[in-house]
Amino acid sequence: AHTAVIDRTRKTAALDFTLTQGSKATMGRVSFSGQKTVNESYLQKSVPWREGTCYRQQRIEDLRGKLFESGLFSGVDI
Protein backbone atom coordinates (compact mmCIF):
# COMPACT_ATOMS: atom_id res chain seq x y z
CA ALA A 1 0.00 0.00 0.00
CA HIS A 2 1.09 3.57 -0.41
CA THR A 3 0.01 7.10 0.39
CA ALA A 4 0.99 10.40 -1.16
CA VAL A 5 0.66 13.83 0.45
CA ILE A 6 1.04 16.73 -1.97
CA ASP A 7 1.74 20.25 -0.73
CA ARG A 8 0.96 22.50 -3.70
CA THR A 9 2.15 25.63 -1.86
CA ARG A 10 5.63 24.24 -1.23
CA LYS A 11 5.58 22.19 -4.43
CA THR A 12 6.54 19.01 -2.58
CA ALA A 13 5.21 15.51 -2.24
CA ALA A 14 5.72 12.97 0.55
CA LEU A 15 5.36 9.31 -0.35
CA ASP A 16 4.94 6.46 2.13
CA PHE A 17 5.15 2.83 1.03
CA THR A 18 4.22 -0.12 3.22
CA LEU A 19 5.79 -3.41 2.19
CA THR A 20 4.90 -6.84 3.46
CA GLN A 21 7.58 -9.48 3.16
CA GLY A 22 6.39 -12.68 1.55
CA SER A 23 7.94 -16.09 1.53
CA LYS A 24 11.40 -16.56 0.05
CA ALA A 25 11.34 -17.40 -3.66
CA THR A 26 13.94 -19.77 -5.04
CA MET A 27 15.12 -20.77 -8.49
CA GLY A 28 13.85 -24.16 -9.62
CA ARG A 29 15.01 -26.90 -11.93
CA VAL A 30 15.28 -25.92 -15.59
CA SER A 31 13.87 -28.08 -18.36
CA PHE A 32 14.17 -27.47 -22.08
CA SER A 33 11.71 -28.30 -24.85
CA GLY A 34 11.49 -27.73 -28.56
CA GLN A 35 15.17 -28.21 -29.36
CA LYS A 36 15.70 -30.92 -31.93
CA THR A 37 19.44 -31.00 -32.52
CA VAL A 38 20.94 -29.70 -29.27
CA ASN A 39 21.47 -32.10 -26.37
CA GLU A 40 19.71 -31.03 -23.16
CA SER A 41 22.79 -31.85 -21.06
CA TYR A 42 24.71 -29.25 -23.10
CA LEU A 43 21.99 -26.66 -22.46
CA GLN A 44 21.95 -27.43 -18.73
CA LYS A 45 25.58 -26.29 -18.56
CA SER A 46 24.38 -22.79 -19.55
CA VAL A 47 22.06 -22.42 -16.56
CA PRO A 48 23.64 -19.74 -14.29
CA TRP A 49 22.09 -20.98 -11.02
CA ARG A 50 21.65 -24.07 -8.91
CA GLU A 51 18.21 -25.27 -7.88
CA GLY A 52 17.26 -23.64 -4.58
CA THR A 53 19.29 -20.46 -5.15
CA CYS A 54 17.50 -17.23 -4.19
CA TYR A 55 15.29 -16.03 -7.08
CA ARG A 56 16.58 -13.15 -9.18
CA GLN A 57 14.96 -12.12 -12.46
CA GLN A 58 18.39 -11.15 -13.80
CA ARG A 59 19.46 -14.81 -13.69
CA ILE A 60 16.65 -15.69 -16.08
CA GLU A 61 17.64 -12.84 -18.39
CA ASP A 62 21.26 -14.04 -18.24
CA LEU A 63 20.20 -17.54 -19.31
CA ARG A 64 18.10 -16.15 -22.17
CA GLY A 65 21.07 -14.09 -23.36
CA LYS A 66 23.50 -17.02 -23.17
CA LEU A 67 21.21 -19.27 -25.19
CA PHE A 68 20.50 -16.65 -27.83
CA GLU A 69 24.15 -15.56 -28.11
CA SER A 70 25.24 -19.19 -28.56
CA GLY A 71 23.98 -18.93 -32.15
CA LEU A 72 22.19 -22.26 -31.79
CA PHE A 73 18.70 -20.74 -31.74
CA SER A 74 16.91 -18.03 -33.67
CA GLY A 75 14.71 -17.28 -30.67
CA VAL A 76 14.49 -18.13 -26.97
CA ASP A 77 11.27 -18.09 -24.92
CA ILE A 78 11.50 -18.51 -21.16
PDB file of N, CA and C in Angstrom:
ATOM      1  N   ALA A   1       0.842  -1.176   0.000  1.00  0.00           N
ATOM      2  CA  ALA A   1       0.000   0.000   0.000  1.00  0.00           C
ATOM      3  C   ALA A   1       0.886   1.238   0.000  1.00  0.00           C
ATOM      4  N   HIS A   2       0.334   2.329  -0.412  1.00  0.00           N
ATOM      5  CA  HIS A   2       1.094   3.569  -0.407  1.00  0.00           C
ATOM      6  C   HIS A   2       0.155   4.758  -0.212  1.00  0.00           C
ATOM      7  N   THR A   3       0.736   5.845   0.272  1.00  0.00           N
ATOM      8  CA  THR A   3       0.007   7.103   0.390  1.00  0.00           C
ATOM      9  C   THR A   3       0.895   8.211  -0.135  1.00  0.00           C
ATOM     10  N   ALA A   4       0.259   9.234  -0.660  1.00  0.00           N
ATOM     11  CA  ALA A   4       0.989  10.398  -1.165  1.00  0.00           C
ATOM     12  C   ALA A   4       0.323  11.653  -0.612  1.00  0.00           C
ATOM     13  N   VAL A   5       1.151  12.543  -0.052  1.00  0.00           N
ATOM     14  CA  VAL A   5       0.657  13.826   0.455  1.00  0.00           C
ATOM     15  C   VAL A   5       1.325  14.912  -0.378  1.00  0.00           C
ATOM     16  N   ILE A   6       0.515  15.684  -1.088  1.00  0.00           N
ATOM     17  CA  ILE A   6       1.041  16.727  -1.968  1.00  0.00           C
ATOM     18  C   ILE A   6       0.778  18.090  -1.342  1.00  0.00           C
ATOM     19  N   ASP A   7       1.841  18.876  -1.243  1.00  0.00           N
ATOM     20  CA  ASP A   7       1.740  20.249  -0.731  1.00  0.00           C
ATOM     21  C   ASP A   7       1.962  21.164  -1.932  1.00  0.00           C
ATOM     22  N   ARG A   8       0.871  21.675  -2.492  1.00  0.00           N
ATOM     23  CA  ARG A   8       0.958  22.502  -3.695  1.00  0.00           C
ATOM     24  C   ARG A   8       1.648  23.844  -3.421  1.00  0.00           C
ATOM     25  N   THR A   9       1.515  24.360  -2.202  1.00  0.00           N
ATOM     26  CA  THR A   9       2.148  25.627  -1.856  1.00  0.00           C
ATOM     27  C   THR A   9       3.666  25.499  -1.882  1.00  0.00           C
ATOM     28  N   ARG A  10       4.177  24.463  -1.281  1.00  0.00           N
ATOM     29  CA  ARG A  10       5.628  24.244  -1.226  1.00  0.00           C
ATOM     30  C   ARG A  10       6.155  23.468  -2.432  1.00  0.00           C
ATOM     31  N   LYS A  11       5.233  22.989  -3.257  1.00  0.00           N
ATOM     32  CA  LYS A  11       5.584  22.189  -4.434  1.00  0.00           C
ATOM     33  C   LYS A  11       6.414  20.959  -4.046  1.00  0.00           C
ATOM     34  N   THR A  12       5.879  20.222  -3.051  1.00  0.00           N
ATOM     35  CA  THR A  12       6.536  19.007  -2.576  1.00  0.00           C
ATOM     36  C   THR A  12       5.516  17.872  -2.506  1.00  0.00           C
ATOM     37  N   ALA A  13       6.043  16.691  -2.430  1.00  0.00           N
ATOM     38  CA  ALA A  13       5.206  15.507  -2.236  1.00  0.00           C
ATOM     39  C   ALA A  13       5.925  14.573  -1.280  1.00  0.00           C
ATOM     40  N   ALA A  14       5.169  13.968  -0.384  1.00  0.00           N
ATOM     41  CA  ALA A  14       5.715  12.974   0.550  1.00  0.00           C
ATOM     42  C   ALA A  14       5.053  11.640   0.230  1.00  0.00           C
ATOM     43  N   LEU A  15       5.873  10.631  -0.015  1.00  0.00           N
ATOM     44  CA  LEU A  15       5.361   9.306  -0.351  1.00  0.00           C
ATOM     45  C   LEU A  15       5.703   8.321   0.753  1.00  0.00           C
ATOM     46  N   ASP A  16       4.733   7.524   1.144  1.00  0.00           N
ATOM     47  CA  ASP A  16       4.943   6.462   2.127  1.00  0.00           C
ATOM     48  C   ASP A  16       4.533   5.137   1.486  1.00  0.00           C
ATOM     49  N   PHE A  17       5.429   4.163   1.551  1.00  0.00           N
ATOM     50  CA  PHE A  17       5.151   2.828   1.028  1.00  0.00           C
ATOM     51  C   PHE A  17       5.197   1.835   2.177  1.00  0.00           C
ATOM     52  N   THR A  18       4.236   0.959   2.236  1.00  0.00           N
ATOM     53  CA  THR A  18       4.221  -0.118   3.217  1.00  0.00           C
ATOM     54  C   THR A  18       4.422  -1.427   2.469  1.00  0.00           C
ATOM     55  N   LEU A  19       5.469  -2.146   2.843  1.00  0.00           N
ATOM     56  CA  LEU A  19       5.788  -3.409   2.191  1.00  0.00           C
ATOM     57  C   LEU A  19       5.594  -4.551   3.165  1.00  0.00           C
ATOM     58  N   THR A  20       5.060  -5.638   2.662  1.00  0.00           N
ATOM     59  CA  THR A  20       4.897  -6.838   3.459  1.00  0.00           C
ATOM     60  C   THR A  20       5.766  -7.921   2.849  1.00  0.00           C
ATOM     61  N   GLN A  21       6.672  -8.449   3.652  1.00  0.00           N
ATOM     62  CA  GLN A  21       7.577  -9.477   3.158  1.00  0.00           C
ATOM     63  C   GLN A  21       6.821 -10.782   2.987  1.00  0.00           C
ATOM     64  N   GLY A  22       6.996 -11.391   1.823  1.00  0.00           N
ATOM     65  CA  GLY A  22       6.386 -12.680   1.551  1.00  0.00           C
ATOM     66  C   GLY A  22       7.385 -13.790   1.791  1.00  0.00           C
ATOM     67  N   SER A  23       7.031 -14.964   1.353  1.00  0.00           N
ATOM     68  CA  SER A  23       7.943 -16.087   1.529  1.00  0.00           C
ATOM     69  C   SER A  23       9.102 -15.978   0.532  1.00  0.00           C
ATOM     70  N   LYS A  24      10.204 -16.594   0.881  1.00  0.00           N
ATOM     71  CA  LYS A  24      11.402 -16.560   0.050  1.00  0.00           C
ATOM     72  C   LYS A  24      11.147 -17.343  -1.239  1.00  0.00           C
ATOM     73  N   ALA A  25      11.497 -16.737  -2.362  1.00  0.00           N
ATOM     74  CA  ALA A  25      11.342 -17.404  -3.656  1.00  0.00           C
ATOM     75  C   ALA A  25      12.699 -17.952  -4.078  1.00  0.00           C
ATOM     76  N   THR A  26      12.694 -19.152  -4.620  1.00  0.00           N
ATOM     77  CA  THR A  26      13.940 -19.771  -5.043  1.00  0.00           C
ATOM     78  C   THR A  26      13.857 -20.187  -6.505  1.00  0.00           C
ATOM     79  N   MET A  27      15.027 -20.328  -7.107  1.00  0.00           N
ATOM     80  CA  MET A  27      15.120 -20.773  -8.486  1.00  0.00           C
ATOM     81  C   MET A  27      14.872 -22.284  -8.507  1.00  0.00           C
ATOM     82  N   GLY A  28      14.157 -22.741  -9.510  1.00  0.00           N
ATOM     83  CA  GLY A  28      13.846 -24.160  -9.619  1.00  0.00           C
ATOM     84  C   GLY A  28      14.689 -24.853 -10.672  1.00  0.00           C
ATOM     85  N   ARG A  29      14.336 -26.100 -10.924  1.00  0.00           N
ATOM     86  CA  ARG A  29      15.010 -26.902 -11.931  1.00  0.00           C
ATOM     87  C   ARG A  29      14.607 -26.378 -13.302  1.00  0.00           C
ATOM     88  N   VAL A  30      15.528 -26.397 -14.228  1.00  0.00           N
ATOM     89  CA  VAL A  30      15.276 -25.918 -15.589  1.00  0.00           C
ATOM     90  C   VAL A  30      15.084 -27.121 -16.500  1.00  0.00           C
ATOM     91  N   SER A  31      14.053 -27.053 -17.335  1.00  0.00           N
ATOM     92  CA  SER A  31      13.867 -28.080 -18.362  1.00  0.00           C
ATOM     93  C   SER A  31      13.758 -27.364 -19.699  1.00  0.00           C
ATOM     94  N   PHE A  32      14.174 -28.041 -20.735  1.00  0.00           N
ATOM     95  CA  PHE A  32      14.169 -27.472 -22.081  1.00  0.00           C
ATOM     96  C   PHE A  32      13.221 -28.280 -22.954  1.00  0.00           C
ATOM     97  N   SER A  33      12.577 -27.601 -23.891  1.00  0.00           N
ATOM     98  CA  SER A  33      11.713 -28.302 -24.849  1.00  0.00           C
ATOM     99  C   SER A  33      11.782 -27.581 -26.189  1.00  0.00           C
ATOM    100  N   GLY A  34      11.534 -28.316 -27.230  1.00  0.00           N
ATOM    101  CA  GLY A  34      11.491 -27.729 -28.563  1.00  0.00           C
ATOM    102  C   GLY A  34      12.791 -27.827 -29.328  1.00  0.00           C
ATOM    103  N   GLN A  35      13.899 -28.077 -28.642  1.00  0.00           N
ATOM    104  CA  GLN A  35      15.167 -28.211 -29.356  1.00  0.00           C
ATOM    105  C   GLN A  35      15.209 -29.599 -29.987  1.00  0.00           C
ATOM    106  N   LYS A  36      15.675 -29.642 -31.222  1.00  0.00           N
ATOM    107  CA  LYS A  36      15.698 -30.916 -31.935  1.00  0.00           C
ATOM    108  C   LYS A  36      17.113 -31.445 -32.114  1.00  0.00           C
ATOM    109  N   THR A  37      18.080 -30.552 -32.215  1.00  0.00           N
ATOM    110  CA  THR A  37      19.437 -31.003 -32.525  1.00  0.00           C
ATOM    111  C   THR A  37      20.451 -30.699 -31.424  1.00  0.00           C
ATOM    112  N   VAL A  38      20.022 -30.056 -30.343  1.00  0.00           N
ATOM    113  CA  VAL A  38      20.941 -29.697 -29.272  1.00  0.00           C
ATOM    114  C   VAL A  38      20.617 -30.557 -28.046  1.00  0.00           C
ATOM    115  N   ASN A  39      21.630 -31.221 -27.517  1.00  0.00           N
ATOM    116  CA  ASN A  39      21.468 -32.105 -26.372  1.00  0.00           C
ATOM    117  C   ASN A  39      21.123 -31.299 -25.123  1.00  0.00           C
ATOM    118  N   GLU A  40      20.134 -31.760 -24.363  1.00  0.00           N
ATOM    119  CA  GLU A  40      19.715 -31.029 -23.164  1.00  0.00           C
ATOM    120  C   GLU A  40      20.844 -30.929 -22.142  1.00  0.00           C
ATOM    121  N   SER A  41      21.694 -31.924 -22.029  1.00  0.00           N
ATOM    122  CA  SER A  41      22.790 -31.845 -21.057  1.00  0.00           C
ATOM    123  C   SER A  41      23.730 -30.690 -21.403  1.00  0.00           C
ATOM    124  N   TYR A  42      23.909 -30.404 -22.682  1.00  0.00           N
ATOM    125  CA  TYR A  42      24.715 -29.251 -23.104  1.00  0.00           C
ATOM    126  C   TYR A  42      24.042 -27.951 -22.660  1.00  0.00           C
ATOM    127  N   LEU A  43      22.733 -27.868 -22.839  1.00  0.00           N
ATOM    128  CA  LEU A  43      21.993 -26.663 -22.462  1.00  0.00           C
ATOM    129  C   LEU A  43      22.010 -26.460 -20.953  1.00  0.00           C
ATOM    130  N   GLN A  44      21.938 -27.531 -20.195  1.00  0.00           N
ATOM    131  CA  GLN A  44      21.947 -27.426 -18.734  1.00  0.00           C
ATOM    132  C   GLN A  44      23.220 -26.753 -18.238  1.00  0.00           C
ATOM    133  N   LYS A  45      24.309 -26.912 -18.956  1.00  0.00           N
ATOM    134  CA  LYS A  45      25.581 -26.288 -18.556  1.00  0.00           C
ATOM    135  C   LYS A  45      25.514 -24.766 -18.657  1.00  0.00           C
ATOM    136  N   SER A  46      24.541 -24.243 -19.394  1.00  0.00           N
ATOM    137  CA  SER A  46      24.383 -22.794 -19.551  1.00  0.00           C
ATOM    138  C   SER A  46      23.598 -22.154 -18.419  1.00  0.00           C
ATOM    139  N   VAL A  47      22.925 -22.948 -17.620  1.00  0.00           N
ATOM    140  CA  VAL A  47      22.060 -22.418 -16.557  1.00  0.00           C
ATOM    141  C   VAL A  47      22.923 -21.781 -15.470  1.00  0.00           C
ATOM    142  N   PRO A  48      22.761 -20.466 -15.222  1.00  0.00           N
ATOM    143  CA  PRO A  48      23.637 -19.745 -14.288  1.00  0.00           C
ATOM    144  C   PRO A  48      23.192 -19.797 -12.819  1.00  0.00           C
ATOM    145  N   TRP A  49      22.466 -20.838 -12.417  1.00  0.00           N
ATOM    146  CA  TRP A  49      22.088 -20.981 -11.018  1.00  0.00           C
ATOM    147  C   TRP A  49      21.907 -22.453 -10.690  1.00  0.00           C
ATOM    148  N   ARG A  50      21.954 -22.725  -9.400  1.00  0.00           N
ATOM    149  CA  ARG A  50      21.646 -24.066  -8.908  1.00  0.00           C
ATOM    150  C   ARG A  50      20.240 -24.051  -8.331  1.00  0.00           C
ATOM    151  N   GLU A  51      19.554 -25.159  -8.441  1.00  0.00           N
ATOM    152  CA  GLU A  51      18.214 -25.267  -7.884  1.00  0.00           C
ATOM    153  C   GLU A  51      18.259 -24.900  -6.398  1.00  0.00           C
ATOM    154  N   GLY A  52      17.324 -24.061  -5.973  1.00  0.00           N
ATOM    155  CA  GLY A  52      17.257 -23.637  -4.580  1.00  0.00           C
ATOM    156  C   GLY A  52      17.923 -22.298  -4.307  1.00  0.00           C
ATOM    157  N   THR A  53      18.658 -21.772  -5.295  1.00  0.00           N
ATOM    158  CA  THR A  53      19.295 -20.456  -5.154  1.00  0.00           C
ATOM    159  C   THR A  53      18.202 -19.390  -5.056  1.00  0.00           C
ATOM    160  N   CYS A  54      18.460 -18.331  -4.327  1.00  0.00           N
ATOM    161  CA  CYS A  54      17.504 -17.228  -4.185  1.00  0.00           C
ATOM    162  C   CYS A  54      17.107 -16.688  -5.563  1.00  0.00           C
ATOM    163  N   TYR A  55      15.809 -16.497  -5.781  1.00  0.00           N
ATOM    164  CA  TYR A  55      15.289 -16.034  -7.075  1.00  0.00           C
ATOM    165  C   TYR A  55      15.773 -14.633  -7.396  1.00  0.00           C
ATOM    166  N   ARG A  56      16.224 -14.465  -8.626  1.00  0.00           N
ATOM    167  CA  ARG A  56      16.581 -13.155  -9.180  1.00  0.00           C
ATOM    168  C   ARG A  56      16.201 -13.172 -10.658  1.00  0.00           C
ATOM    169  N   GLN A  57      15.389 -12.222 -11.063  1.00  0.00           N
ATOM    170  CA  GLN A  57      14.958 -12.118 -12.456  1.00  0.00           C
ATOM    171  C   GLN A  57      16.154 -12.007 -13.387  1.00  0.00           C
ATOM    172  N   GLN A  58      17.210 -11.332 -12.955  1.00  0.00           N
ATOM    173  CA  GLN A  58      18.388 -11.153 -13.798  1.00  0.00           C
ATOM    174  C   GLN A  58      19.000 -12.486 -14.202  1.00  0.00           C
ATOM    175  N   ARG A  59      18.908 -13.494 -13.350  1.00  0.00           N
ATOM    176  CA  ARG A  59      19.457 -14.812 -13.689  1.00  0.00           C
ATOM    177  C   ARG A  59      18.725 -15.410 -14.889  1.00  0.00           C
ATOM    178  N   ILE A  60      17.429 -15.191 -14.948  1.00  0.00           N
ATOM    179  CA  ILE A  60      16.650 -15.688 -16.082  1.00  0.00           C
ATOM    180  C   ILE A  60      17.057 -14.947 -17.349  1.00  0.00           C
ATOM    181  N   GLU A  61      17.208 -13.633 -17.239  1.00  0.00           N
ATOM    182  CA  GLU A  61      17.636 -12.841 -18.395  1.00  0.00           C
ATOM    183  C   GLU A  61      19.034 -13.259 -18.848  1.00  0.00           C
ATOM    184  N   ASP A  62      19.919 -13.581 -17.896  1.00  0.00           N
ATOM    185  CA  ASP A  62      21.261 -14.044 -18.242  1.00  0.00           C
ATOM    186  C   ASP A  62      21.202 -15.347 -19.030  1.00  0.00           C
ATOM    187  N   LEU A  63      20.343 -16.267 -18.603  1.00  0.00           N
ATOM    188  CA  LEU A  63      20.196 -17.539 -19.313  1.00  0.00           C
ATOM    189  C   LEU A  63      19.671 -17.297 -20.724  1.00  0.00           C
ATOM    190  N   ARG A  64      18.663 -16.465 -20.849  1.00  0.00           N
ATOM    191  CA  ARG A  64      18.103 -16.155 -22.174  1.00  0.00           C
ATOM    192  C   ARG A  64      19.196 -15.607 -23.094  1.00  0.00           C
ATOM    193  N   GLY A  65      19.986 -14.679 -22.580  1.00  0.00           N
ATOM    194  CA  GLY A  65      21.070 -14.088 -23.361  1.00  0.00           C
ATOM    195  C   GLY A  65      22.102 -15.116 -23.776  1.00  0.00           C
ATOM    196  N   LYS A  66      22.513 -15.983 -22.848  1.00  0.00           N
ATOM    197  CA  LYS A  66      23.498 -17.024 -23.166  1.00  0.00           C
ATOM    198  C   LYS A  66      23.003 -17.937 -24.283  1.00  0.00           C
ATOM    199  N   LEU A  67      21.751 -18.355 -24.184  1.00  0.00           N
ATOM    200  CA  LEU A  67      21.208 -19.272 -25.188  1.00  0.00           C
ATOM    201  C   LEU A  67      21.102 -18.599 -26.548  1.00  0.00           C
ATOM    202  N   PHE A  68      20.643 -17.361 -26.559  1.00  0.00           N
ATOM    203  CA  PHE A  68      20.501 -16.648 -27.830  1.00  0.00           C
ATOM    204  C   PHE A  68      21.869 -16.353 -28.437  1.00  0.00           C
ATOM    205  N   GLU A  69      22.810 -15.905 -27.618  1.00  0.00           N
ATOM    206  CA  GLU A  69      24.147 -15.560 -28.110  1.00  0.00           C
ATOM    207  C   GLU A  69      24.952 -16.781 -28.543  1.00  0.00           C
ATOM    208  N   SER A  70      24.529 -17.971 -28.160  1.00  0.00           N
ATOM    209  CA  SER A  70      25.235 -19.190 -28.562  1.00  0.00           C
ATOM    210  C   SER A  70      25.157 -19.387 -30.079  1.00  0.00           C
ATOM    211  N   GLY A  71      24.158 -18.766 -30.705  1.00  0.00           N
ATOM    212  CA  GLY A  71      23.977 -18.926 -32.148  1.00  0.00           C
ATOM    213  C   GLY A  71      23.264 -20.215 -32.520  1.00  0.00           C
ATOM    214  N   LEU A  72      22.863 -20.983 -31.526  1.00  0.00           N
ATOM    215  CA  LEU A  72      22.187 -22.263 -31.789  1.00  0.00           C
ATOM    216  C   LEU A  72      20.707 -22.088 -32.068  1.00  0.00           C
ATOM    217  N   PHE A  73      20.144 -20.951 -31.642  1.00  0.00           N
ATOM    218  CA  PHE A  73      18.705 -20.740 -31.736  1.00  0.00           C
ATOM    219  C   PHE A  73      18.401 -19.380 -32.363  1.00  0.00           C
ATOM    220  N   SER A  74      17.317 -19.317 -33.093  1.00  0.00           N
ATOM    221  CA  SER A  74      16.907 -18.032 -33.665  1.00  0.00           C
ATOM    222  C   SER A  74      16.010 -17.268 -32.705  1.00  0.00           C
ATOM    223  N   GLY A  75      15.523 -17.927 -31.678  1.00  0.00           N
ATOM    224  CA  GLY A  75      14.706 -17.283 -30.672  1.00  0.00           C
ATOM    225  C   GLY A  75      14.710 -18.112 -29.397  1.00  0.00           C
ATOM    226  N   VAL A  76      14.516 -17.449 -28.272  1.00  0.00           N
ATOM    227  CA  VAL A  76      14.495 -18.128 -26.973  1.00  0.00           C
ATOM    228  C   VAL A  76      13.318 -17.589 -26.168  1.00  0.00           C
ATOM    229  N   ASP A  77      12.386 -18.465 -25.767  1.00  0.00           N
ATOM    230  CA  ASP A  77      11.269 -18.090 -24.916  1.00  0.00           C
ATOM    231  C   ASP A  77      11.450 -18.757 -23.563  1.00  0.00           C
ATOM    232  N   ILE A  78      11.387 -17.968 -22.514  1.00  0.00           N
ATOM    233  CA  ILE A  78      11.496 -18.515 -21.165  1.00  0.00           C
ATOM    234  C   ILE A  78      10.224 -18.202 -20.402  1.00  0.00           C
TER     235      ILE A  78
END
